[in-house]
Amino acid sequence: MTRGTGAPRVRIEEWTADDIDLLHRLNTPVMTEHLGGPETEAQVAARHARYLALDGPGRMFRVVLAADGTDTETGPGAADGGPAGRAGEAVVGSVGYWELTWRGERAYETGWGVLPEFQGRGIAAAAAREVIAVARAEGRHRALYAFPSVAHAASNAVCRKAGFGFQEECEIEYPKGRLMRANNWRVVLD
């Protein structure tokens, strides 16, 4: 899928077994600063298995930056087509959604990550808009939520740019066993 003009052209593709390398690249101190820090190797392997198992009540995707002149820089793997499979394209991050119960309502939650060398270009917001469209087309739940840390200005900006409405500041448990102050953002899907 690709969408939008004026924004980077991104495509989201189903998560595959080969995306474990991307997951390792996203599991750095810089990338997990607002999420409690990097996960252990066992935790990364378990996360990868969960991503592969998502089907129906949620899906995980890799984010591919299209090579159409919208963004001419390339990243690791881009020169030979890399994991995206097309010359000049680069796999630059991940995005997905999964089920949760929030305040008694069954809904979806979403999250994303864009590799540092590709940040600040609107890629995460474009990928979030793609995931909103997929979740909306599925028609299973009425709402999609995002819960970025109140201290994570970039992820909160992604929510605004992707069309989420701010609901409130709240406390969530993430990772398991750790409370985090987060902003509750929501998109109505129906």
N, C-alpha and C. Protein backbone atom coordinates (compact mmCIF):
# COMPACT_ATOMS: atom_id res chain seq x y z
N MET A 1 0.83 -1.18 0.00
CA MET A 1 0.00 0.00 0.00
C MET A 1 0.87 1.24 0.00
N THR A 2 0.48 2.24 -0.74
CA THR A 2 1.11 3.55 -0.66
C THR A 2 0.01 4.57 -0.69
N ARG A 3 0.28 5.71 -0.12
CA ARG A 3 -0.77 6.71 -0.02
C ARG A 3 -0.13 8.08 0.12
N GLY A 4 -0.89 9.09 -0.27
CA GLY A 4 -0.52 10.46 0.03
C GLY A 4 0.46 11.08 -0.94
N THR A 5 0.37 12.41 -1.05
CA THR A 5 1.32 13.18 -1.82
C THR A 5 1.92 14.20 -0.89
N GLY A 6 3.14 14.59 -1.16
CA GLY A 6 3.82 15.55 -0.30
C GLY A 6 4.46 14.89 0.91
N ALA A 7 4.04 13.71 1.23
CA ALA A 7 4.62 12.95 2.34
C ALA A 7 5.49 11.86 1.73
N PRO A 8 6.39 11.31 2.51
CA PRO A 8 7.19 10.21 1.97
C PRO A 8 6.27 9.08 1.52
N ARG A 9 6.64 8.42 0.46
CA ARG A 9 5.84 7.29 -0.02
C ARG A 9 6.32 6.05 0.69
N VAL A 10 5.46 5.51 1.50
CA VAL A 10 5.79 4.29 2.22
C VAL A 10 4.81 3.21 1.84
N ARG A 11 5.27 2.01 2.03
CA ARG A 11 4.43 0.83 1.83
C ARG A 11 4.59 -0.01 3.08
N ILE A 12 3.51 -0.61 3.54
CA ILE A 12 3.64 -1.54 4.66
C ILE A 12 3.45 -2.94 4.10
N GLU A 13 4.33 -3.84 4.55
CA GLU A 13 4.31 -5.22 4.09
C GLU A 13 4.23 -6.14 5.30
N GLU A 14 3.55 -7.26 5.13
CA GLU A 14 3.39 -8.22 6.22
C GLU A 14 4.74 -8.60 6.82
N TRP A 15 4.76 -8.73 8.13
CA TRP A 15 5.94 -9.15 8.87
C TRP A 15 6.27 -10.60 8.51
N THR A 16 7.56 -10.90 8.29
CA THR A 16 7.97 -12.26 7.93
C THR A 16 9.09 -12.72 8.86
N ALA A 17 9.44 -13.97 8.76
CA ALA A 17 10.54 -14.53 9.56
C ALA A 17 11.84 -13.78 9.31
N ASP A 18 12.03 -13.25 8.13
CA ASP A 18 13.26 -12.51 7.80
C ASP A 18 13.37 -11.17 8.54
N ASP A 19 12.28 -10.70 9.12
CA ASP A 19 12.29 -9.38 9.77
C ASP A 19 12.90 -9.39 11.17
N ILE A 20 13.41 -10.52 11.62
CA ILE A 20 14.09 -10.57 12.91
C ILE A 20 15.28 -9.60 12.93
N ASP A 21 15.98 -9.44 11.79
CA ASP A 21 17.10 -8.50 11.74
C ASP A 21 16.62 -7.06 11.97
N LEU A 22 15.49 -6.70 11.39
CA LEU A 22 14.92 -5.37 11.62
C LEU A 22 14.58 -5.20 13.09
N LEU A 23 14.01 -6.21 13.70
CA LEU A 23 13.66 -6.13 15.11
C LEU A 23 14.90 -5.88 15.97
N HIS A 24 16.01 -6.52 15.63
CA HIS A 24 17.27 -6.27 16.35
C HIS A 24 17.73 -4.83 16.15
N ARG A 25 17.59 -4.29 14.95
CA ARG A 25 18.00 -2.90 14.68
C ARG A 25 17.11 -1.90 15.41
N LEU A 26 15.87 -2.28 15.69
CA LEU A 26 14.96 -1.40 16.43
C LEU A 26 15.14 -1.53 17.95
N ASN A 27 15.91 -2.50 18.40
CA ASN A 27 16.09 -2.79 19.83
C ASN A 27 17.40 -2.21 20.35
N THR A 28 17.53 -0.90 20.24
CA THR A 28 18.73 -0.21 20.70
C THR A 28 18.36 0.77 21.81
N PRO A 29 19.33 1.22 22.59
CA PRO A 29 19.02 2.21 23.63
C PRO A 29 18.33 3.46 23.09
N VAL A 30 18.75 3.95 21.94
CA VAL A 30 18.13 5.14 21.35
C VAL A 30 16.67 4.87 20.98
N MET A 31 16.41 3.71 20.38
CA MET A 31 15.06 3.39 19.92
C MET A 31 14.11 3.01 21.06
N THR A 32 14.64 2.56 22.18
CA THR A 32 13.78 2.09 23.27
C THR A 32 13.84 2.98 24.50
N GLU A 33 14.40 4.16 24.34
CA GLU A 33 14.56 5.09 25.46
C GLU A 33 13.26 5.34 26.21
N HIS A 34 12.16 5.47 25.50
CA HIS A 34 10.86 5.77 26.12
C HIS A 34 10.03 4.52 26.38
N LEU A 35 10.63 3.35 26.19
CA LEU A 35 9.92 2.08 26.34
C LEU A 35 10.53 1.18 27.39
N GLY A 36 11.41 1.72 28.21
CA GLY A 36 12.01 0.91 29.26
C GLY A 36 13.36 0.31 28.91
N GLY A 37 13.91 0.65 27.75
CA GLY A 37 15.22 0.16 27.36
C GLY A 37 15.16 -1.09 26.50
N PRO A 38 16.32 -1.48 25.96
CA PRO A 38 16.38 -2.64 25.07
C PRO A 38 15.92 -3.93 25.75
N GLU A 39 15.39 -4.83 24.94
CA GLU A 39 14.98 -6.14 25.42
C GLU A 39 16.16 -7.11 25.32
N THR A 40 16.09 -8.17 26.09
CA THR A 40 17.10 -9.22 26.01
C THR A 40 16.90 -10.00 24.70
N GLU A 41 17.88 -10.83 24.36
CA GLU A 41 17.76 -11.66 23.16
C GLU A 41 16.52 -12.54 23.24
N ALA A 42 16.25 -13.11 24.40
CA ALA A 42 15.06 -13.97 24.57
C ALA A 42 13.78 -13.15 24.38
N GLN A 43 13.75 -11.93 24.88
CA GLN A 43 12.57 -11.08 24.72
C GLN A 43 12.36 -10.70 23.26
N VAL A 44 13.45 -10.41 22.54
CA VAL A 44 13.34 -10.08 21.11
C VAL A 44 12.80 -11.29 20.35
N ALA A 45 13.31 -12.47 20.65
CA ALA A 45 12.83 -13.69 19.98
C ALA A 45 11.34 -13.92 20.26
N ALA A 46 10.93 -13.69 21.50
CA ALA A 46 9.51 -13.85 21.86
C ALA A 46 8.65 -12.81 21.16
N ARG A 47 9.13 -11.58 21.07
CA ARG A 47 8.38 -10.51 20.37
C ARG A 47 8.23 -10.90 18.89
N HIS A 48 9.31 -11.36 18.28
CA HIS A 48 9.27 -11.76 16.88
C HIS A 48 8.22 -12.87 16.67
N ALA A 49 8.21 -13.85 17.56
CA ALA A 49 7.22 -14.94 17.47
C ALA A 49 5.80 -14.39 17.59
N ARG A 50 5.58 -13.42 18.49
CA ARG A 50 4.24 -12.81 18.62
C ARG A 50 3.86 -12.08 17.34
N TYR A 51 4.81 -11.34 16.75
CA TYR A 51 4.52 -10.62 15.51
C TYR A 51 4.14 -11.59 14.39
N LEU A 52 4.85 -12.69 14.30
CA LEU A 52 4.54 -13.68 13.27
C LEU A 52 3.17 -14.32 13.49
N ALA A 53 2.77 -14.44 14.75
CA ALA A 53 1.50 -15.09 15.07
C ALA A 53 0.30 -14.17 14.92
N LEU A 54 0.50 -12.86 14.86
CA LEU A 54 -0.63 -11.93 14.72
C LEU A 54 -1.33 -12.19 13.40
N ASP A 55 -2.60 -12.48 13.48
CA ASP A 55 -3.41 -12.71 12.29
C ASP A 55 -4.86 -12.58 12.72
N GLY A 56 -5.61 -11.77 12.02
CA GLY A 56 -7.00 -11.57 12.41
C GLY A 56 -7.12 -10.44 13.39
N PRO A 57 -6.97 -10.72 14.69
CA PRO A 57 -7.11 -9.63 15.66
C PRO A 57 -5.82 -8.83 15.82
N GLY A 58 -5.24 -8.44 14.72
CA GLY A 58 -4.04 -7.63 14.73
C GLY A 58 -3.06 -8.10 13.68
N ARG A 59 -2.18 -7.19 13.29
CA ARG A 59 -1.18 -7.50 12.26
C ARG A 59 0.06 -6.66 12.49
N MET A 60 1.19 -7.19 12.07
CA MET A 60 2.45 -6.47 12.16
C MET A 60 3.02 -6.33 10.76
N PHE A 61 3.67 -5.18 10.52
CA PHE A 61 4.21 -4.87 9.20
C PHE A 61 5.62 -4.29 9.30
N ARG A 62 6.40 -4.47 8.24
CA ARG A 62 7.63 -3.71 8.09
C ARG A 62 7.26 -2.50 7.24
N VAL A 63 7.97 -1.41 7.43
CA VAL A 63 7.72 -0.17 6.70
C VAL A 63 8.80 -0.04 5.63
N VAL A 64 8.36 0.13 4.39
CA VAL A 64 9.27 0.24 3.26
C VAL A 64 9.17 1.64 2.68
N LEU A 65 10.31 2.29 2.55
CA LEU A 65 10.37 3.61 1.92
C LEU A 65 10.52 3.40 0.43
N ALA A 66 9.56 3.90 -0.33
CA ALA A 66 9.55 3.71 -1.78
C ALA A 66 10.65 4.52 -2.45
N ALA A 67 11.17 3.99 -3.54
CA ALA A 67 12.22 4.65 -4.31
C ALA A 67 11.60 5.31 -5.52
N ASP A 68 10.88 6.40 -5.29
CA ASP A 68 10.20 7.07 -6.40
C ASP A 68 10.63 8.52 -6.56
N GLY A 69 11.72 8.89 -5.89
CA GLY A 69 12.18 10.26 -5.98
C GLY A 69 11.63 11.14 -4.87
N THR A 70 10.61 10.67 -4.12
CA THR A 70 10.08 11.46 -3.02
C THR A 70 11.13 11.65 -1.95
N ASP A 71 11.89 10.60 -1.69
CA ASP A 71 12.97 10.64 -0.72
C ASP A 71 14.14 9.91 -1.36
N THR A 72 15.18 10.64 -1.73
CA THR A 72 16.25 10.05 -2.53
C THR A 72 17.34 9.39 -1.72
N GLU A 73 17.35 9.55 -0.42
CA GLU A 73 18.38 8.90 0.39
C GLU A 73 18.05 7.42 0.51
N THR A 74 19.09 6.63 0.68
CA THR A 74 18.90 5.20 0.84
C THR A 74 19.54 4.77 2.14
N GLY A 75 19.14 3.61 2.58
CA GLY A 75 19.68 3.09 3.82
C GLY A 75 20.23 1.71 3.62
N PRO A 76 20.59 1.04 4.71
CA PRO A 76 21.15 -0.30 4.62
C PRO A 76 20.23 -1.22 3.84
N GLY A 77 20.80 -1.95 2.90
CA GLY A 77 20.02 -2.89 2.12
C GLY A 77 19.34 -2.28 0.91
N ALA A 78 19.38 -0.95 0.79
CA ALA A 78 18.64 -0.31 -0.28
C ALA A 78 19.32 -0.48 -1.64
N ALA A 79 20.63 -0.46 -1.71
CA ALA A 79 21.33 -0.49 -2.99
C ALA A 79 21.03 -1.76 -3.78
N ASP A 80 20.89 -2.89 -3.11
CA ASP A 80 20.62 -4.14 -3.82
C ASP A 80 19.17 -4.58 -3.68
N GLY A 81 18.32 -3.69 -3.26
CA GLY A 81 16.91 -4.02 -3.08
C GLY A 81 16.61 -4.45 -1.66
N GLY A 82 17.61 -4.88 -0.91
CA GLY A 82 17.45 -5.23 0.49
C GLY A 82 16.24 -6.09 0.74
N PRO A 83 15.76 -6.11 1.96
CA PRO A 83 14.61 -6.94 2.30
C PRO A 83 13.34 -6.51 1.58
N ALA A 84 13.28 -5.27 1.11
CA ALA A 84 12.07 -4.82 0.43
C ALA A 84 11.93 -5.45 -0.94
N GLY A 85 13.05 -5.90 -1.52
CA GLY A 85 12.99 -6.62 -2.77
C GLY A 85 12.99 -5.77 -4.02
N ARG A 86 13.06 -4.46 -3.93
CA ARG A 86 13.08 -3.61 -5.11
C ARG A 86 14.26 -2.67 -5.01
N ALA A 87 14.99 -2.53 -6.08
CA ALA A 87 16.19 -1.70 -6.09
C ALA A 87 15.84 -0.28 -5.64
N GLY A 88 16.66 0.26 -4.77
CA GLY A 88 16.50 1.63 -4.31
C GLY A 88 15.54 1.79 -3.14
N GLU A 89 14.81 0.74 -2.77
CA GLU A 89 13.91 0.83 -1.63
C GLU A 89 14.63 0.40 -0.37
N ALA A 90 14.12 0.83 0.77
CA ALA A 90 14.73 0.47 2.04
C ALA A 90 13.65 0.12 3.05
N VAL A 91 13.90 -0.93 3.83
CA VAL A 91 13.05 -1.25 4.97
C VAL A 91 13.52 -0.34 6.10
N VAL A 92 12.62 0.52 6.59
CA VAL A 92 13.04 1.58 7.50
C VAL A 92 12.40 1.51 8.88
N GLY A 93 11.52 0.55 9.11
CA GLY A 93 10.89 0.46 10.42
C GLY A 93 9.77 -0.55 10.47
N SER A 94 8.99 -0.45 11.54
CA SER A 94 7.87 -1.37 11.75
C SER A 94 6.66 -0.59 12.23
N VAL A 95 5.49 -1.17 12.01
CA VAL A 95 4.23 -0.62 12.49
C VAL A 95 3.25 -1.78 12.58
N GLY A 96 2.33 -1.70 13.52
CA GLY A 96 1.35 -2.76 13.64
C GLY A 96 0.21 -2.37 14.56
N TYR A 97 -0.72 -3.31 14.72
CA TYR A 97 -1.83 -3.11 15.65
C TYR A 97 -2.23 -4.46 16.22
N TRP A 98 -2.80 -4.42 17.42
CA TRP A 98 -3.20 -5.62 18.14
C TRP A 98 -4.37 -5.26 19.03
N GLU A 99 -5.07 -6.29 19.51
CA GLU A 99 -6.25 -6.06 20.34
C GLU A 99 -5.87 -5.72 21.77
N LEU A 100 -6.73 -4.93 22.40
CA LEU A 100 -6.64 -4.66 23.82
C LEU A 100 -8.04 -4.34 24.33
N THR A 101 -8.16 -4.34 25.64
CA THR A 101 -9.37 -3.82 26.27
C THR A 101 -8.95 -2.56 26.99
N TRP A 102 -9.56 -1.43 26.63
CA TRP A 102 -9.24 -0.16 27.24
C TRP A 102 -10.50 0.43 27.82
N ARG A 103 -10.52 0.54 29.14
CA ARG A 103 -11.67 1.10 29.85
C ARG A 103 -12.96 0.39 29.46
N GLY A 104 -12.88 -0.94 29.41
CA GLY A 104 -14.05 -1.77 29.13
C GLY A 104 -14.40 -1.93 27.67
N GLU A 105 -13.67 -1.30 26.78
CA GLU A 105 -13.95 -1.36 25.35
C GLU A 105 -12.90 -2.22 24.65
N ARG A 106 -13.36 -3.19 23.83
CA ARG A 106 -12.44 -3.93 22.98
C ARG A 106 -12.07 -3.01 21.82
N ALA A 107 -10.78 -2.89 21.57
CA ALA A 107 -10.30 -1.97 20.54
C ALA A 107 -8.95 -2.46 20.05
N TYR A 108 -8.32 -1.65 19.21
CA TYR A 108 -6.95 -1.92 18.77
C TYR A 108 -6.02 -0.89 19.40
N GLU A 109 -4.77 -1.33 19.57
CA GLU A 109 -3.68 -0.44 19.95
C GLU A 109 -2.66 -0.51 18.82
N THR A 110 -1.95 0.57 18.58
CA THR A 110 -0.93 0.58 17.54
C THR A 110 0.39 1.09 18.10
N GLY A 111 1.45 0.75 17.41
CA GLY A 111 2.78 1.23 17.75
C GLY A 111 3.66 1.15 16.52
N TRP A 112 4.76 1.91 16.54
CA TRP A 112 5.64 2.00 15.38
C TRP A 112 7.05 2.28 15.84
N GLY A 113 7.97 2.09 14.94
CA GLY A 113 9.37 2.45 15.16
C GLY A 113 10.02 2.68 13.81
N VAL A 114 10.75 3.78 13.68
CA VAL A 114 11.49 4.10 12.46
C VAL A 114 12.96 4.21 12.82
N LEU A 115 13.80 3.55 12.06
CA LEU A 115 15.23 3.56 12.33
C LEU A 115 15.77 4.99 12.38
N PRO A 116 16.72 5.27 13.27
CA PRO A 116 17.20 6.65 13.48
C PRO A 116 17.60 7.38 12.21
N GLU A 117 18.26 6.72 11.28
CA GLU A 117 18.71 7.40 10.07
C GLU A 117 17.58 7.83 9.15
N PHE A 118 16.34 7.40 9.43
CA PHE A 118 15.19 7.76 8.61
C PHE A 118 14.18 8.63 9.37
N GLN A 119 14.47 8.97 10.60
CA GLN A 119 13.53 9.75 11.41
C GLN A 119 13.49 11.21 10.96
N GLY A 120 12.39 11.87 11.31
CA GLY A 120 12.23 13.29 11.02
C GLY A 120 11.78 13.60 9.61
N ARG A 121 11.29 12.61 8.88
CA ARG A 121 10.87 12.80 7.49
C ARG A 121 9.38 12.57 7.28
N GLY A 122 8.65 12.25 8.34
CA GLY A 122 7.22 11.97 8.21
C GLY A 122 6.91 10.52 7.90
N ILE A 123 7.90 9.65 7.95
CA ILE A 123 7.70 8.24 7.61
C ILE A 123 6.79 7.56 8.62
N ALA A 124 7.00 7.80 9.91
CA ALA A 124 6.17 7.15 10.93
C ALA A 124 4.71 7.57 10.80
N ALA A 125 4.45 8.84 10.55
CA ALA A 125 3.06 9.30 10.39
C ALA A 125 2.43 8.67 9.15
N ALA A 126 3.20 8.57 8.06
CA ALA A 126 2.67 7.93 6.84
C ALA A 126 2.37 6.45 7.10
N ALA A 127 3.25 5.76 7.81
CA ALA A 127 3.02 4.36 8.14
C ALA A 127 1.83 4.20 9.07
N ALA A 128 1.68 5.11 10.04
CA ALA A 128 0.53 5.05 10.95
C ALA A 128 -0.77 5.25 10.18
N ARG A 129 -0.79 6.15 9.20
CA ARG A 129 -1.99 6.33 8.38
C ARG A 129 -2.31 5.06 7.60
N GLU A 130 -1.28 4.36 7.12
CA GLU A 130 -1.50 3.09 6.42
C GLU A 130 -2.14 2.06 7.35
N VAL A 131 -1.63 1.98 8.58
CA VAL A 131 -2.16 1.00 9.53
C VAL A 131 -3.59 1.35 9.94
N ILE A 132 -3.89 2.63 10.05
CA ILE A 132 -5.27 3.06 10.33
C ILE A 132 -6.19 2.55 9.22
N ALA A 133 -5.77 2.70 7.97
CA ALA A 133 -6.60 2.25 6.85
C ALA A 133 -6.82 0.75 6.88
N VAL A 134 -5.78 -0.02 7.20
CA VAL A 134 -5.91 -1.48 7.27
C VAL A 134 -6.86 -1.89 8.40
N ALA A 135 -6.67 -1.29 9.58
CA ALA A 135 -7.53 -1.61 10.73
C ALA A 135 -8.98 -1.21 10.45
N ARG A 136 -9.16 -0.07 9.80
CA ARG A 136 -10.51 0.39 9.46
C ARG A 136 -11.17 -0.58 8.48
N ALA A 137 -10.44 -1.02 7.48
CA ALA A 137 -10.99 -1.95 6.48
C ALA A 137 -11.37 -3.29 7.10
N GLU A 138 -10.64 -3.68 8.13
CA GLU A 138 -10.94 -4.94 8.80
C GLU A 138 -12.32 -4.90 9.45
N GLY A 139 -12.72 -3.74 9.96
CA GLY A 139 -14.07 -3.55 10.49
C GLY A 139 -14.37 -4.27 11.79
N ARG A 140 -13.37 -4.68 12.51
CA ARG A 140 -13.59 -5.47 13.73
C ARG A 140 -13.86 -4.59 14.96
N HIS A 141 -13.13 -3.48 15.09
CA HIS A 141 -13.26 -2.62 16.27
C HIS A 141 -13.56 -1.19 15.88
N ARG A 142 -14.13 -0.48 16.82
CA ARG A 142 -14.54 0.91 16.59
C ARG A 142 -13.40 1.90 16.72
N ALA A 143 -12.36 1.56 17.49
CA ALA A 143 -11.31 2.54 17.76
C ALA A 143 -9.92 1.91 17.71
N LEU A 144 -8.94 2.76 17.41
CA LEU A 144 -7.53 2.41 17.43
C LEU A 144 -6.84 3.42 18.34
N TYR A 145 -6.10 2.92 19.33
CA TYR A 145 -5.42 3.77 20.31
C TYR A 145 -3.91 3.72 20.14
N ALA A 146 -3.26 4.80 20.56
CA ALA A 146 -1.80 4.84 20.68
C ALA A 146 -1.50 5.45 22.04
N PHE A 147 -0.45 4.95 22.70
CA PHE A 147 -0.11 5.38 24.05
C PHE A 147 1.37 5.75 24.16
N PRO A 148 1.82 6.79 23.45
CA PRO A 148 3.23 7.17 23.59
C PRO A 148 3.50 7.82 24.95
N SER A 149 4.71 7.64 25.42
CA SER A 149 5.13 8.29 26.67
C SER A 149 4.90 9.80 26.56
N VAL A 150 4.50 10.41 27.66
CA VAL A 150 4.31 11.87 27.64
C VAL A 150 5.62 12.58 27.30
N ALA A 151 6.75 11.95 27.58
CA ALA A 151 8.06 12.55 27.32
C ALA A 151 8.54 12.34 25.89
N HIS A 152 7.83 11.55 25.11
CA HIS A 152 8.28 11.24 23.74
C HIS A 152 7.59 12.18 22.74
N ALA A 153 8.18 13.35 22.58
CA ALA A 153 7.59 14.39 21.72
C ALA A 153 7.38 13.90 20.30
N ALA A 154 8.34 13.16 19.74
CA ALA A 154 8.24 12.73 18.34
C ALA A 154 7.04 11.78 18.14
N SER A 155 6.85 10.81 19.03
CA SER A 155 5.72 9.89 18.86
C SER A 155 4.39 10.59 19.08
N ASN A 156 4.35 11.56 19.97
CA ASN A 156 3.11 12.33 20.14
C ASN A 156 2.82 13.16 18.90
N ALA A 157 3.86 13.68 18.25
CA ALA A 157 3.68 14.43 17.00
C ALA A 157 3.18 13.49 15.90
N VAL A 158 3.68 12.26 15.87
CA VAL A 158 3.20 11.28 14.88
C VAL A 158 1.70 11.09 15.05
N CYS A 159 1.24 10.96 16.29
CA CYS A 159 -0.20 10.78 16.53
C CYS A 159 -1.00 11.94 15.95
N ARG A 160 -0.56 13.17 16.21
CA ARG A 160 -1.27 14.35 15.67
C ARG A 160 -1.29 14.32 14.14
N LYS A 161 -0.12 14.08 13.54
CA LYS A 161 0.00 14.11 12.08
C LYS A 161 -0.75 12.97 11.40
N ALA A 162 -0.91 11.86 12.09
CA ALA A 162 -1.61 10.71 11.51
C ALA A 162 -3.12 10.80 11.67
N GLY A 163 -3.61 11.78 12.43
CA GLY A 163 -5.05 11.96 12.56
C GLY A 163 -5.67 11.45 13.84
N PHE A 164 -4.84 11.09 14.83
CA PHE A 164 -5.37 10.69 16.13
C PHE A 164 -5.83 11.93 16.88
N GLY A 165 -6.85 11.76 17.73
CA GLY A 165 -7.30 12.83 18.60
C GLY A 165 -6.81 12.56 20.02
N PHE A 166 -6.29 13.59 20.66
CA PHE A 166 -5.80 13.45 22.03
C PHE A 166 -6.98 13.26 22.97
N GLN A 167 -6.88 12.24 23.85
CA GLN A 167 -7.94 11.96 24.81
C GLN A 167 -7.57 12.44 26.21
N GLU A 168 -6.39 12.02 26.70
CA GLU A 168 -6.01 12.35 28.06
C GLU A 168 -4.60 11.85 28.35
N GLU A 169 -4.03 12.33 29.42
CA GLU A 169 -2.81 11.75 29.95
C GLU A 169 -3.25 10.62 30.88
N CYS A 170 -2.52 9.51 30.87
CA CYS A 170 -2.93 8.35 31.66
C CYS A 170 -1.70 7.57 32.11
N GLU A 171 -1.93 6.54 32.87
CA GLU A 171 -0.86 5.65 33.30
C GLU A 171 -1.13 4.27 32.71
N ILE A 172 -0.09 3.70 32.07
CA ILE A 172 -0.21 2.36 31.51
C ILE A 172 0.96 1.52 32.01
N GLU A 173 0.81 0.22 31.88
CA GLU A 173 1.89 -0.69 32.26
C GLU A 173 2.65 -1.09 31.00
N TYR A 174 3.89 -0.59 30.87
CA TYR A 174 4.75 -0.98 29.76
C TYR A 174 6.19 -0.61 30.07
N PRO A 175 7.09 -1.57 29.90
CA PRO A 175 6.80 -2.99 29.70
C PRO A 175 6.17 -3.58 30.95
N LYS A 176 5.78 -4.84 30.85
CA LYS A 176 5.10 -5.51 31.96
C LYS A 176 5.88 -5.29 33.26
N GLY A 177 5.16 -4.85 34.27
CA GLY A 177 5.77 -4.60 35.57
C GLY A 177 6.28 -3.19 35.77
N ARG A 178 6.15 -2.32 34.77
CA ARG A 178 6.64 -0.93 34.86
C ARG A 178 5.53 0.02 34.45
N LEU A 179 5.18 0.95 35.34
CA LEU A 179 4.16 1.95 35.02
C LEU A 179 4.80 3.10 34.26
N MET A 180 4.07 3.62 33.28
CA MET A 180 4.56 4.70 32.44
C MET A 180 3.46 5.74 32.27
N ARG A 181 3.83 7.02 32.36
CA ARG A 181 2.89 8.10 32.04
C ARG A 181 2.84 8.21 30.53
N ALA A 182 1.63 8.13 30.00
CA ALA A 182 1.46 8.14 28.55
C ALA A 182 0.34 9.09 28.17
N ASN A 183 0.35 9.48 26.92
CA ASN A 183 -0.77 10.21 26.35
C ASN A 183 -1.63 9.20 25.61
N ASN A 184 -2.93 9.30 25.81
CA ASN A 184 -3.91 8.42 25.18
C ASN A 184 -4.42 9.15 23.92
N TRP A 185 -4.10 8.59 22.76
CA TRP A 185 -4.57 9.11 21.49
C TRP A 185 -5.50 8.08 20.86
N ARG A 186 -6.52 8.55 20.13
CA ARG A 186 -7.52 7.64 19.56
C ARG A 186 -7.94 8.09 18.16
N VAL A 187 -8.17 7.09 17.31
CA VAL A 187 -8.78 7.29 16.00
C VAL A 187 -10.04 6.45 15.98
N VAL A 188 -11.15 7.04 15.57
CA VAL A 188 -12.39 6.28 15.41
C VAL A 188 -12.32 5.61 14.05
N LEU A 189 -12.58 4.31 14.02
CA LEU A 189 -12.44 3.53 12.79
C LEU A 189 -13.73 3.36 12.01
N ASP A 190 -14.89 3.53 12.68
CA ASP A 190 -16.15 3.33 11.93
C ASP A 190 -16.83 4.62 11.62
